[in-house]
Amino acid sequence: FSVIEKLRPPLMNLMGSTGFNALMSRSLVLATTEIPSLRDIGLNA
């Protein structure tokens, strides 16, 4: 997920780490509806 890793610093500057984690978590939830295997990954604190 190196493209997302490139987005991490500016997004964390924009919305903080909590906002970034919430945005990524929501992206994963939405993506899981299409690719159920994605439920096995996540973000730590």
PDB file of all heavy atoms in Angstrom:
ATOM      1  N   PHE A   1       0.827  -1.196   0.000  1.00  0.00           N
ATOM      2  CA  PHE A   1       0.000   0.000   0.000  1.00  0.00           C
ATOM      3  C   PHE A   1       0.870   1.258   0.000  1.00  0.00           C
ATOM      4  O   PHE A   1       0.583   2.228   0.684  1.00  0.00           O
ATOM      5  CB  PHE A   1      -0.953  -0.010   1.200  1.00  0.00           C
ATOM      6  CG  PHE A   1      -2.084  -0.994   1.049  1.00  0.00           C
ATOM      7  CD1 PHE A   1      -1.997  -2.259   1.594  1.00  0.00           C
ATOM      8  CD2 PHE A   1      -3.224  -0.648   0.349  1.00  0.00           C
ATOM      9  CE1 PHE A   1      -3.044  -3.172   1.451  1.00  0.00           C
ATOM     10  CE2 PHE A   1      -4.272  -1.548   0.200  1.00  0.00           C
ATOM     11  CZ  PHE A   1      -4.175  -2.816   0.744  1.00  0.00           C
ATOM     12  N   SER A   2       1.938   1.239  -0.818  1.00  0.00           N
ATOM     13  CA  SER A   2       2.881   2.362  -0.812  1.00  0.00           C
ATOM     14  C   SER A   2       2.257   3.666  -1.302  1.00  0.00           C
ATOM     15  O   SER A   2       2.661   4.741  -0.869  1.00  0.00           O
ATOM     16  CB  SER A   2       4.137   2.018  -1.616  1.00  0.00           C
ATOM     17  OG  SER A   2       3.818   1.673  -2.934  1.00  0.00           O
ATOM     18  N   VAL A   3       1.278   3.604  -2.189  1.00  0.00           N
ATOM     19  CA  VAL A   3       0.623   4.836  -2.633  1.00  0.00           C
ATOM     20  C   VAL A   3      -0.127   5.458  -1.453  1.00  0.00           C
ATOM     21  O   VAL A   3      -0.063   6.671  -1.234  1.00  0.00           O
ATOM     22  CB  VAL A   3      -0.330   4.573  -3.824  1.00  0.00           C
ATOM     23  CG1 VAL A   3      -1.175   5.789  -4.133  1.00  0.00           C
ATOM     24  CG2 VAL A   3       0.476   4.156  -5.050  1.00  0.00           C
ATOM     25  N   ILE A   4      -0.802   4.644  -0.672  1.00  0.00           N
ATOM     26  CA  ILE A   4      -1.497   5.155   0.506  1.00  0.00           C
ATOM     27  C   ILE A   4      -0.480   5.672   1.521  1.00  0.00           C
ATOM     28  O   ILE A   4      -0.713   6.685   2.178  1.00  0.00           O
ATOM     29  CB  ILE A   4      -2.426   4.087   1.109  1.00  0.00           C
ATOM     30  CG1 ILE A   4      -3.589   3.816   0.144  1.00  0.00           C
ATOM     31  CG2 ILE A   4      -2.950   4.514   2.482  1.00  0.00           C
ATOM     32  CD1 ILE A   4      -4.501   2.681   0.532  1.00  0.00           C
ATOM     33  N   GLU A   5       0.670   5.003   1.617  1.00  0.00           N
ATOM     34  CA  GLU A   5       1.710   5.475   2.531  1.00  0.00           C
ATOM     35  C   GLU A   5       2.218   6.851   2.121  1.00  0.00           C
ATOM     36  O   GLU A   5       2.573   7.659   2.970  1.00  0.00           O
ATOM     37  CB  GLU A   5       2.859   4.470   2.608  1.00  0.00           C
ATOM     38  CG  GLU A   5       2.481   3.168   3.285  1.00  0.00           C
ATOM     39  CD  GLU A   5       1.886   3.373   4.676  1.00  0.00           C
ATOM     40  OE1 GLU A   5       2.437   4.174   5.454  1.00  0.00           O
ATOM     41  OE2 GLU A   5       0.874   2.736   4.997  1.00  0.00           O
ATOM     42  N   LYS A   6       2.237   7.139   0.826  1.00  0.00           N
ATOM     43  CA  LYS A   6       2.632   8.471   0.363  1.00  0.00           C
ATOM     44  C   LYS A   6       1.576   9.509   0.720  1.00  0.00           C
ATOM     45  O   LYS A   6       1.886  10.681   0.913  1.00  0.00           O
ATOM     46  CB  LYS A   6       2.868   8.470  -1.146  1.00  0.00           C
ATOM     47  CG  LYS A   6       4.141   7.779  -1.542  1.00  0.00           C
ATOM     48  CD  LYS A   6       4.334   7.791  -3.043  1.00  0.00           C
ATOM     49  CE  LYS A   6       5.608   7.048  -3.394  1.00  0.00           C
ATOM     50  NZ  LYS A   6       5.796   6.950  -4.842  1.00  0.00           N
ATOM     51  N   LEU A   7       0.335   9.081   0.791  1.00  0.00           N
ATOM     52  CA  LEU A   7      -0.753   9.984   1.168  1.00  0.00           C
ATOM     53  C   LEU A   7      -0.824  10.215   2.682  1.00  0.00           C
ATOM     54  O   LEU A   7      -1.359  11.217   3.131  1.00  0.00           O
ATOM     55  CB  LEU A   7      -2.091   9.423   0.692  1.00  0.00           C
ATOM     56  CG  LEU A   7      -2.356   9.485  -0.796  1.00  0.00           C
ATOM     57  CD1 LEU A   7      -3.556   8.610  -1.169  1.00  0.00           C
ATOM     58  CD2 LEU A   7      -2.590  10.914  -1.239  1.00  0.00           C
ATOM     59  N   ARG A   8      -0.270   9.291   3.453  1.00  0.00           N
ATOM     60  CA  ARG A   8      -0.374   9.353   4.917  1.00  0.00           C
ATOM     61  C   ARG A   8       0.117  10.692   5.496  1.00  0.00           C
ATOM     62  O   ARG A   8      -0.639  11.335   6.239  1.00  0.00           O
ATOM     63  CB  ARG A   8       0.384   8.194   5.553  1.00  0.00           C
ATOM     64  CG  ARG A   8       0.381   8.233   7.076  1.00  0.00           C
ATOM     65  CD  ARG A   8       1.331   7.192   7.687  1.00  0.00           C
ATOM     66  NE  ARG A   8       1.039   5.857   7.247  1.00  0.00           N
ATOM     67  CZ  ARG A   8       0.154   5.045   7.834  1.00  0.00           C
ATOM     68  NH1 ARG A   8      -0.511   5.457   8.896  1.00  0.00           N
ATOM     69  NH2 ARG A   8      -0.065   3.836   7.367  1.00  0.00           N
ATOM     70  N   PRO A   9       1.350  11.155   5.221  1.00  0.00           N
ATOM     71  CA  PRO A   9       1.811  12.405   5.866  1.00  0.00           C
ATOM     72  C   PRO A   9       0.932  13.622   5.571  1.00  0.00           C
ATOM     73  O   PRO A   9       0.511  14.304   6.520  1.00  0.00           O
ATOM     74  CB  PRO A   9       3.241  12.586   5.339  1.00  0.00           C
ATOM     75  CG  PRO A   9       3.673  11.206   4.944  1.00  0.00           C
ATOM     76  CD  PRO A   9       2.432  10.529   4.457  1.00  0.00           C
ATOM     77  N   PRO A  10       0.594  13.903   4.300  1.00  0.00           N
ATOM     78  CA  PRO A  10      -0.252  15.079   4.091  1.00  0.00           C
ATOM     79  C   PRO A  10      -1.662  14.924   4.664  1.00  0.00           C
ATOM     80  O   PRO A  10      -2.254  15.889   5.144  1.00  0.00           O
ATOM     81  CB  PRO A  10      -0.289  15.262   2.572  1.00  0.00           C
ATOM     82  CG  PRO A  10       0.254  14.021   1.986  1.00  0.00           C
ATOM     83  CD  PRO A  10       1.044  13.335   3.037  1.00  0.00           C
ATOM     84  N   LEU A  11      -2.188  13.707   4.657  1.00  0.00           N
ATOM     85  CA  LEU A  11      -3.519  13.506   5.231  1.00  0.00           C
ATOM     86  C   LEU A  11      -3.489  13.642   6.747  1.00  0.00           C
ATOM     87  O   LEU A  11      -4.417  14.182   7.352  1.00  0.00           O
ATOM     88  CB  LEU A  11      -4.087  12.151   4.830  1.00  0.00           C
ATOM     89  CG  LEU A  11      -4.508  12.015   3.369  1.00  0.00           C
ATOM     90  CD1 LEU A  11      -4.989  10.601   3.082  1.00  0.00           C
ATOM     91  CD2 LEU A  11      -5.571  13.032   3.017  1.00  0.00           C
ATOM     92  N   MET A  12      -2.404  13.176   7.370  1.00  0.00           N
ATOM     93  CA  MET A  12      -2.290  13.326   8.816  1.00  0.00           C
ATOM     94  C   MET A  12      -2.115  14.798   9.178  1.00  0.00           C
ATOM     95  O   MET A  12      -2.627  15.244  10.204  1.00  0.00           O
ATOM     96  CB  MET A  12      -1.154  12.471   9.366  1.00  0.00           C
ATOM     97  CG  MET A  12      -1.505  10.984   9.351  1.00  0.00           C
ATOM     98  SD  MET A  12      -0.208   9.976  10.048  1.00  0.00           S
ATOM     99  CE  MET A  12      -0.953   9.525  11.593  1.00  0.00           C
ATOM    100  N   ASN A  13      -1.419  15.560   8.333  1.00  0.00           N
ATOM    101  CA  ASN A  13      -1.314  17.000   8.571  1.00  0.00           C
ATOM    102  C   ASN A  13      -2.670  17.668   8.429  1.00  0.00           C
ATOM    103  O   ASN A  13      -2.988  18.606   9.151  1.00  0.00           O
ATOM    104  CB  ASN A  13      -0.325  17.648   7.593  1.00  0.00           C
ATOM    105  CG  ASN A  13       1.106  17.373   7.967  1.00  0.00           C
ATOM    106  OD1 ASN A  13       1.424  17.070   9.104  1.00  0.00           O
ATOM    107  ND2 ASN A  13       1.983  17.461   6.991  1.00  0.00           N
ATOM    108  N   LEU A  14      -3.455  17.189   7.485  1.00  0.00           N
ATOM    109  CA  LEU A  14      -4.765  17.772   7.212  1.00  0.00           C
ATOM    110  C   LEU A  14      -5.791  17.441   8.289  1.00  0.00           C
ATOM    111  O   LEU A  14      -6.540  18.298   8.740  1.00  0.00           O
ATOM    112  CB  LEU A  14      -5.269  17.290   5.841  1.00  0.00           C
ATOM    113  CG  LEU A  14      -6.608  17.793   5.357  1.00  0.00           C
ATOM    114  CD1 LEU A  14      -6.526  19.286   5.058  1.00  0.00           C
ATOM    115  CD2 LEU A  14      -7.028  17.023   4.105  1.00  0.00           C
ATOM    116  N   MET A  15      -5.807  16.166   8.728  1.00  0.00           N
ATOM    117  CA  MET A  15      -6.886  15.734   9.621  1.00  0.00           C
ATOM    118  C   MET A  15      -6.426  15.044  10.895  1.00  0.00           C
ATOM    119  O   MET A  15      -7.252  14.556  11.650  1.00  0.00           O
ATOM    120  CB  MET A  15      -7.858  14.842   8.853  1.00  0.00           C
ATOM    121  CG  MET A  15      -7.240  13.645   8.206  1.00  0.00           C
ATOM    122  SD  MET A  15      -8.352  12.693   7.141  1.00  0.00           S
ATOM    123  CE  MET A  15      -8.859  13.871   5.945  1.00  0.00           C
ATOM    124  N   GLY A  16      -5.122  14.997  11.119  1.00  0.00           N
ATOM    125  CA  GLY A  16      -4.603  14.347  12.319  1.00  0.00           C
ATOM    126  C   GLY A  16      -4.584  12.833  12.185  1.00  0.00           C
ATOM    127  O   GLY A  16      -5.171  12.265  11.253  1.00  0.00           O
ATOM    128  N   SER A  17      -3.909  12.187  13.123  1.00  0.00           N
ATOM    129  CA  SER A  17      -3.794  10.728  13.038  1.00  0.00           C
ATOM    130  C   SER A  17      -5.141  10.039  13.244  1.00  0.00           C
ATOM    131  O   SER A  17      -5.444   9.051  12.577  1.00  0.00           O
ATOM    132  CB  SER A  17      -2.770  10.200  14.039  1.00  0.00           C
ATOM    133  OG  SER A  17      -3.147  10.524  15.355  1.00  0.00           O
ATOM    134  N   THR A  18      -5.963  10.572  14.135  1.00  0.00           N
ATOM    135  CA  THR A  18      -7.283   9.975  14.361  1.00  0.00           C
ATOM    136  C   THR A  18      -8.141  10.092  13.111  1.00  0.00           C
ATOM    137  O   THR A  18      -8.822   9.127  12.731  1.00  0.00           O
ATOM    138  CB  THR A  18      -7.978  10.647  15.557  1.00  0.00           C
ATOM    139  OG1 THR A  18      -7.136  10.519  16.708  1.00  0.00           O
ATOM    140  CG2 THR A  18      -9.322  10.017  15.837  1.00  0.00           C
ATOM    141  N   GLY A  19      -8.110  11.249  12.465  1.00  0.00           N
ATOM    142  CA  GLY A  19      -8.870  11.441  11.230  1.00  0.00           C
ATOM    143  C   GLY A  19      -8.387  10.535  10.124  1.00  0.00           C
ATOM    144  O   GLY A  19      -9.185   9.947   9.387  1.00  0.00           O
ATOM    145  N   PHE A  20      -7.054  10.416   9.996  1.00  0.00           N
ATOM    146  CA  PHE A  20      -6.502   9.525   8.971  1.00  0.00           C
ATOM    147  C   PHE A  20      -6.930   8.089   9.230  1.00  0.00           C
ATOM    148  O   PHE A  20      -7.370   7.388   8.310  1.00  0.00           O
ATOM    149  CB  PHE A  20      -4.973   9.619   8.930  1.00  0.00           C
ATOM    150  CG  PHE A  20      -4.352   8.613   8.011  1.00  0.00           C
ATOM    151  CD1 PHE A  20      -4.350   8.820   6.646  1.00  0.00           C
ATOM    152  CD2 PHE A  20      -3.806   7.441   8.507  1.00  0.00           C
ATOM    153  CE1 PHE A  20      -3.804   7.876   5.778  1.00  0.00           C
ATOM    154  CE2 PHE A  20      -3.256   6.492   7.656  1.00  0.00           C
ATOM    155  CZ  PHE A  20      -3.248   6.708   6.292  1.00  0.00           C
ATOM    156  N   ASN A  21      -6.797   7.638  10.478  1.00  0.00           N
ATOM    157  CA  ASN A  21      -7.184   6.255  10.802  1.00  0.00           C
ATOM    158  C   ASN A  21      -8.671   6.016  10.540  1.00  0.00           C
ATOM    159  O   ASN A  21      -9.052   4.958  10.036  1.00  0.00           O
ATOM    160  CB  ASN A  21      -6.843   5.924  12.257  1.00  0.00           C
ATOM    161  CG  ASN A  21      -5.355   5.756  12.472  1.00  0.00           C
ATOM    162  OD1 ASN A  21      -4.568   5.746  11.529  1.00  0.00           O
ATOM    163  ND2 ASN A  21      -4.957   5.644  13.717  1.00  0.00           N
ATOM    164  N   ALA A  22      -9.503   7.006  10.850  1.00  0.00           N
ATOM    165  CA  ALA A  22     -10.938   6.864  10.598  1.00  0.00           C
ATOM    166  C   ALA A  22     -11.216   6.777   9.100  1.00  0.00           C
ATOM    167  O   ALA A  22     -12.014   5.949   8.649  1.00  0.00           O
ATOM    168  CB  ALA A  22     -11.703   8.033  11.216  1.00  0.00           C
ATOM    169  N   LEU A  23     -10.547   7.615   8.330  1.00  0.00           N
ATOM    170  CA  LEU A  23     -10.723   7.603   6.872  1.00  0.00           C
ATOM    171  C   LEU A  23     -10.266   6.274   6.279  1.00  0.00           C
ATOM    172  O   LEU A  23     -10.953   5.682   5.444  1.00  0.00           O
ATOM    173  CB  LEU A  23      -9.938   8.766   6.258  1.00  0.00           C
ATOM    174  CG  LEU A  23     -10.212   9.111   4.808  1.00  0.00           C
ATOM    175  CD1 LEU A  23     -11.634   9.634   4.624  1.00  0.00           C
ATOM    176  CD2 LEU A  23      -9.214  10.160   4.333  1.00  0.00           C
ATOM    177  N   MET A  24      -9.120   5.783   6.731  1.00  0.00           N
ATOM    178  CA  MET A  24      -8.618   4.501   6.221  1.00  0.00           C
ATOM    179  C   MET A  24      -9.520   3.351   6.661  1.00  0.00           C
ATOM    180  O   MET A  24      -9.793   2.440   5.877  1.00  0.00           O
ATOM    181  CB  MET A  24      -7.182   4.251   6.700  1.00  0.00           C
ATOM    182  CG  MET A  24      -6.134   4.982   5.908  1.00  0.00           C
ATOM    183  SD  MET A  24      -6.262   4.750   4.114  1.00  0.00           S
ATOM    184  CE  MET A  24      -6.450   2.990   3.938  1.00  0.00           C
ATOM    185  N   SER A  25      -9.982   3.398   7.898  1.00  0.00           N
ATOM    186  CA  SER A  25     -10.867   2.331   8.376  1.00  0.00           C
ATOM    187  C   SER A  25     -12.149   2.284   7.562  1.00  0.00           C
ATOM    188  O   SER A  25     -12.625   1.210   7.186  1.00  0.00           O
ATOM    189  CB  SER A  25     -11.193   2.530   9.859  1.00  0.00           C
ATOM    190  OG  SER A  25     -10.029   2.388  10.629  1.00  0.00           O
ATOM    191  N   ARG A  26     -12.705   3.447   7.261  1.00  0.00           N
ATOM    192  CA  ARG A  26     -13.927   3.502   6.443  1.00  0.00           C
ATOM    193  C   ARG A  26     -13.655   2.997   5.026  1.00  0.00           C
ATOM    194  O   ARG A  26     -14.466   2.278   4.456  1.00  0.00           O
ATOM    195  CB  ARG A  26     -14.489   4.932   6.416  1.00  0.00           C
ATOM    196  CG  ARG A  26     -15.770   5.054   5.658  1.00  0.00           C
ATOM    197  CD  ARG A  26     -16.889   4.276   6.323  1.00  0.00           C
ATOM    198  NE  ARG A  26     -18.104   4.379   5.538  1.00  0.00           N
ATOM    199  CZ  ARG A  26     -19.028   3.451   5.493  1.00  0.00           C
ATOM    200  NH1 ARG A  26     -18.921   2.355   6.214  1.00  0.00           N
ATOM    201  NH2 ARG A  26     -20.099   3.610   4.741  1.00  0.00           N
ATOM    202  N   SER A  27     -12.493   3.367   4.478  1.00  0.00           N
ATOM    203  CA  SER A  27     -12.122   2.883   3.143  1.00  0.00           C
ATOM    204  C   SER A  27     -12.046   1.355   3.128  1.00  0.00           C
ATOM    205  O   SER A  27     -12.515   0.711   2.189  1.00  0.00           O
ATOM    206  CB  SER A  27     -10.765   3.464   2.717  1.00  0.00           C
ATOM    207  OG  SER A  27     -10.817   4.858   2.647  1.00  0.00           O
ATOM    208  N   LEU A  28     -11.470   0.789   4.181  1.00  0.00           N
ATOM    209  CA  LEU A  28     -11.371  -0.673   4.269  1.00  0.00           C
ATOM    210  C   LEU A  28     -12.743  -1.321   4.390  1.00  0.00           C
ATOM    211  O   LEU A  28     -13.010  -2.348   3.758  1.00  0.00           O
ATOM    212  CB  LEU A  28     -10.497  -1.082   5.454  1.00  0.00           C
ATOM    213  CG  LEU A  28      -9.003  -0.995   5.220  1.00  0.00           C
ATOM    214  CD1 LEU A  28      -8.240  -1.181   6.526  1.00  0.00           C
ATOM    215  CD2 LEU A  28      -8.555  -2.022   4.194  1.00  0.00           C
ATOM    216  N   VAL A  29     -13.617  -0.737   5.196  1.00  0.00           N
ATOM    217  CA  VAL A  29     -14.977  -1.285   5.349  1.00  0.00           C
ATOM    218  C   VAL A  29     -15.689  -1.284   4.000  1.00  0.00           C
ATOM    219  O   VAL A  29     -16.311  -2.281   3.607  1.00  0.00           O
ATOM    220  CB  VAL A  29     -15.779  -0.499   6.405  1.00  0.00           C
ATOM    221  CG1 VAL A  29     -17.258  -0.849   6.347  1.00  0.00           C
ATOM    222  CG2 VAL A  29     -15.226  -0.757   7.790  1.00  0.00           C
ATOM    223  N   LEU A  30     -15.612  -0.169   3.282  1.00  0.00           N
ATOM    224  CA  LEU A  30     -16.257  -0.099   1.967  1.00  0.00           C
ATOM    225  C   LEU A  30     -15.645  -1.096   0.994  1.00  0.00           C
ATOM    226  O   LEU A  30     -16.356  -1.756   0.233  1.00  0.00           O
ATOM    227  CB  LEU A  30     -16.155   1.326   1.409  1.00  0.00           C
ATOM    228  CG  LEU A  30     -16.977   2.386   2.138  1.00  0.00           C
ATOM    229  CD1 LEU A  30     -16.599   3.776   1.659  1.00  0.00           C
ATOM    230  CD2 LEU A  30     -18.465   2.143   1.955  1.00  0.00           C
ATOM    231  N   ALA A  31     -14.328  -1.220   1.013  1.00  0.00           N
ATOM    232  CA  ALA A  31     -13.648  -2.136   0.098  1.00  0.00           C
ATOM    233  C   ALA A  31     -13.961  -3.594   0.433  1.00  0.00           C
ATOM    234  O   ALA A  31     -14.006  -4.447  -0.460  1.00  0.00           O
ATOM    235  CB  ALA A  31     -12.139  -1.889   0.135  1.00  0.00           C
ATOM    236  N   THR A  32     -14.196  -3.891   1.702  1.00  0.00           N
ATOM    237  CA  THR A  32     -14.496  -5.255   2.136  1.00  0.00           C
ATOM    238  C   THR A  32     -15.790  -5.775   1.521  1.00  0.00           C
ATOM    239  O   THR A  32     -15.943  -6.976   1.306  1.00  0.00           O
ATOM    240  CB  THR A  32     -14.553  -5.321   3.675  1.00  0.00           C
ATOM    241  OG1 THR A  32     -13.276  -4.947   4.181  1.00  0.00           O
ATOM    242  CG2 THR A  32     -14.887  -6.711   4.166  1.00  0.00           C
ATOM    243  N   THR A  33     -16.715  -4.882   1.185  1.00  0.00           N
ATOM    244  CA  THR A  33     -17.953  -5.332   0.548  1.00  0.00           C
ATOM    245  C   THR A  33     -17.667  -5.921  -0.824  1.00  0.00           C
ATOM    246  O   THR A  33     -18.424  -6.754  -1.305  1.00  0.00           O
ATOM    247  CB  THR A  33     -18.978  -4.185   0.415  1.00  0.00           C
ATOM    248  OG1 THR A  33     -18.446  -3.166  -0.423  1.00  0.00           O
ATOM    249  CG2 THR A  33     -19.343  -3.622   1.778  1.00  0.00           C
ATOM    250  N   GLU A  34     -16.570  -5.494  -1.453  1.00  0.00           N
ATOM    251  CA  GLU A  34     -16.194  -6.010  -2.768  1.00  0.00           C
ATOM    252  C   GLU A  34     -15.168  -7.134  -2.672  1.00  0.00           C
ATOM    253  O   GLU A  34     -15.166  -8.045  -3.501  1.00  0.00           O
ATOM    254  CB  GLU A  34     -15.624  -4.872  -3.620  1.00  0.00           C
ATOM    255  CG  GLU A  34     -16.634  -3.773  -3.887  1.00  0.00           C
ATOM    256  CD  GLU A  34     -16.007  -2.579  -4.571  1.00  0.00           C
ATOM    257  OE1 GLU A  34     -15.398  -2.778  -5.642  1.00  0.00           O
ATOM    258  OE2 GLU A  34     -16.121  -1.467  -4.019  1.00  0.00           O
ATOM    259  N   ILE A  35     -14.275  -7.033  -1.702  1.00  0.00           N
ATOM    260  CA  ILE A  35     -13.227  -8.040  -1.523  1.00  0.00           C
ATOM    261  C   ILE A  35     -13.233  -8.449  -0.053  1.00  0.00           C
ATOM    262  O   ILE A  35     -12.550  -7.848   0.776  1.00  0.00           O
ATOM    263  CB  ILE A  35     -11.852  -7.492  -1.967  1.00  0.00           C
ATOM    264  CG1 ILE A  35     -11.954  -7.067  -3.424  1.00  0.00           C
ATOM    265  CG2 ILE A  35     -10.754  -8.535  -1.766  1.00  0.00           C
ATOM    266  CD1 ILE A  35     -10.725  -6.446  -4.008  1.00  0.00           C
ATOM    267  N   PRO A  36     -14.028  -9.462   0.281  1.00  0.00           N
ATOM    268  CA  PRO A  36     -14.202  -9.858   1.684  1.00  0.00           C
ATOM    269  C   PRO A  36     -12.900 -10.186   2.419  1.00  0.00           C
ATOM    270  O   PRO A  36     -12.823  -9.989   3.631  1.00  0.00           O
ATOM    271  CB  PRO A  36     -15.121 -11.087   1.602  1.00  0.00           C
ATOM    272  CG  PRO A  36     -15.858 -10.905   0.310  1.00  0.00           C
ATOM    273  CD  PRO A  36     -14.881 -10.237  -0.621  1.00  0.00           C
ATOM    274  N   SER A  37     -11.885 -10.641   1.726  1.00  0.00           N
ATOM    275  CA  SER A  37     -10.611 -10.970   2.369  1.00  0.00           C
ATOM    276  C   SER A  37      -9.976  -9.777   3.053  1.00  0.00           C
ATOM    277  O   SER A  37      -9.146  -9.932   3.944  1.00  0.00           O
ATOM    278  CB  SER A  37      -9.618 -11.525   1.344  1.00  0.00           C
ATOM    279  OG  SER A  37     -10.154 -12.637   0.693  1.00  0.00           O
ATOM    280  N   LEU A  38     -10.364  -8.566   2.650  1.00  0.00           N
ATOM    281  CA  LEU A  38      -9.789  -7.362   3.253  1.00  0.00           C
ATOM    282  C   LEU A  38     -10.165  -7.208   4.721  1.00  0.00           C
ATOM    283  O   LEU A  38      -9.529  -6.440   5.443  1.00  0.00           O
ATOM    284  CB  LEU A  38     -10.213  -6.114   2.470  1.00  0.00           C
ATOM    285  CG  LEU A  38      -9.510  -5.917   1.140  1.00  0.00           C
ATOM    286  CD1 LEU A  38     -10.189  -4.823   0.328  1.00  0.00           C
ATOM    287  CD2 LEU A  38      -8.034  -5.595   1.354  1.00  0.00           C
ATOM    288  N   ARG A  39     -11.165  -7.953   5.187  1.00  0.00           N
ATOM    289  CA  ARG A  39     -11.531  -7.835   6.602  1.00  0.00           C
ATOM    290  C   ARG A  39     -10.421  -8.376   7.500  1.00  0.00           C
ATOM    291  O   ARG A  39     -10.418  -8.122   8.698  1.00  0.00           O
ATOM    292  CB  ARG A  39     -12.872  -8.513   6.886  1.00  0.00           C
ATOM    293  CG  ARG A  39     -12.841 -10.019   6.962  1.00  0.00           C
ATOM    294  CD  ARG A  39     -14.184 -10.602   7.400  1.00  0.00           C
ATOM    295  NE  ARG A  39     -15.289 -10.141   6.615  1.00  0.00           N
ATOM    296  CZ  ARG A  39     -15.818 -10.786   5.577  1.00  0.00           C
ATOM    297  NH1 ARG A  39     -15.315 -11.946   5.213  1.00  0.00           N
ATOM    298  NH2 ARG A  39     -16.835 -10.297   4.912  1.00  0.00           N
ATOM    299  N   ASP A  40      -9.457  -9.100   6.918  1.00  0.00           N
ATOM    300  CA  ASP A  40      -8.352  -9.649   7.700  1.00  0.00           C
ATOM    301  C   ASP A  40      -7.223  -8.648   7.927  1.00  0.00           C
ATOM    302  O   ASP A  40      -6.253  -8.963   8.613  1.00  0.00           O
ATOM    303  CB  ASP A  40      -7.784 -10.898   7.012  1.00  0.00           C
ATOM    304  CG  ASP A  40      -8.805 -12.020   6.940  1.00  0.00           C
ATOM    305  OD1 ASP A  40      -9.718 -12.052   7.797  1.00  0.00           O
ATOM    306  OD2 ASP A  40      -8.704 -12.854   6.021  1.00  0.00           O
ATOM    307  N   ILE A  41      -7.313  -7.456   7.335  1.00  0.00           N
ATOM    308  CA  ILE A  41      -6.283  -6.450   7.575  1.00  0.00           C
ATOM    309  C   ILE A  41      -6.895  -5.270   8.318  1.00  0.00           C
ATOM    310  O   ILE A  41      -8.115  -5.129   8.392  1.00  0.00           O
ATOM    311  CB  ILE A  41      -5.603  -5.964   6.271  1.00  0.00           C
ATOM    312  CG1 ILE A  41      -6.563  -5.184   5.373  1.00  0.00           C
ATOM    313  CG2 ILE A  41      -4.965  -7.125   5.534  1.00  0.00           C
ATOM    314  CD1 ILE A  41      -5.890  -4.484   4.213  1.00  0.00           C
ATOM    315  N   GLY A  42      -6.039  -4.451   8.849  1.00  0.00           N
ATOM    316  CA  GLY A  42      -6.513  -3.278   9.565  1.00  0.00           C
ATOM    317  C   GLY A  42      -5.363  -2.362   9.899  1.00  0.00           C
ATOM    318  O   GLY A  42      -4.228  -2.571   9.481  1.00  0.00           O
ATOM    319  N   LEU A  43      -5.672  -1.329  10.653  1.00  0.00           N
ATOM    320  CA  LEU A  43      -4.672  -0.372  11.113  1.00  0.00           C
ATOM    321  C   LEU A  43      -4.580  -0.466  12.631  1.00  0.00           C
ATOM    322  O   LEU A  43      -5.597  -0.565  13.308  1.00  0.00           O
ATOM    323  CB  LEU A  43      -5.074   1.056  10.730  1.00  0.00           C
ATOM    324  CG  LEU A  43      -5.190   1.364   9.246  1.00  0.00           C
ATOM    325  CD1 LEU A  43      -5.790   2.748   9.041  1.00  0.00           C
ATOM    326  CD2 LEU A  43      -3.843   1.277   8.572  1.00  0.00           C
ATOM    327  N   ASN A  44      -3.346  -0.403  13.143  1.00  0.00           N
ATOM    328  CA  ASN A  44      -3.198  -0.360  14.595  1.00  0.00           C
ATOM    329  C   ASN A  44      -3.364   1.081  15.076  1.00  0.00           C
ATOM    330  O   ASN A  44      -3.638   1.979  14.272  1.00  0.00           O
ATOM    331  CB  ASN A  44      -1.867  -0.986  15.035  1.00  0.00           C
ATOM    332  CG  ASN A  44      -0.656  -0.230  14.512  1.00  0.00           C
ATOM    333  OD1 ASN A  44      -0.721   0.960  14.171  1.00  0.00           O
ATOM    334  ND2 ASN A  44       0.461  -0.923  14.449  1.00  0.00           N
ATOM    335  N   ALA A  45      -3.195   1.317  16.348  1.00  0.00           N
ATOM    336  CA  ALA A  45      -3.416   2.649  16.919  1.00  0.00           C
ATOM    337  C   ALA A  45      -2.488   3.707  16.315  1.00  0.00           C
ATOM    338  O   ALA A  45      -2.841   4.877  16.258  1.00  0.00           O
ATOM    339  CB  ALA A  45      -3.235   2.603  18.431  1.00  0.00           C
TER     340      ALA A  45
END
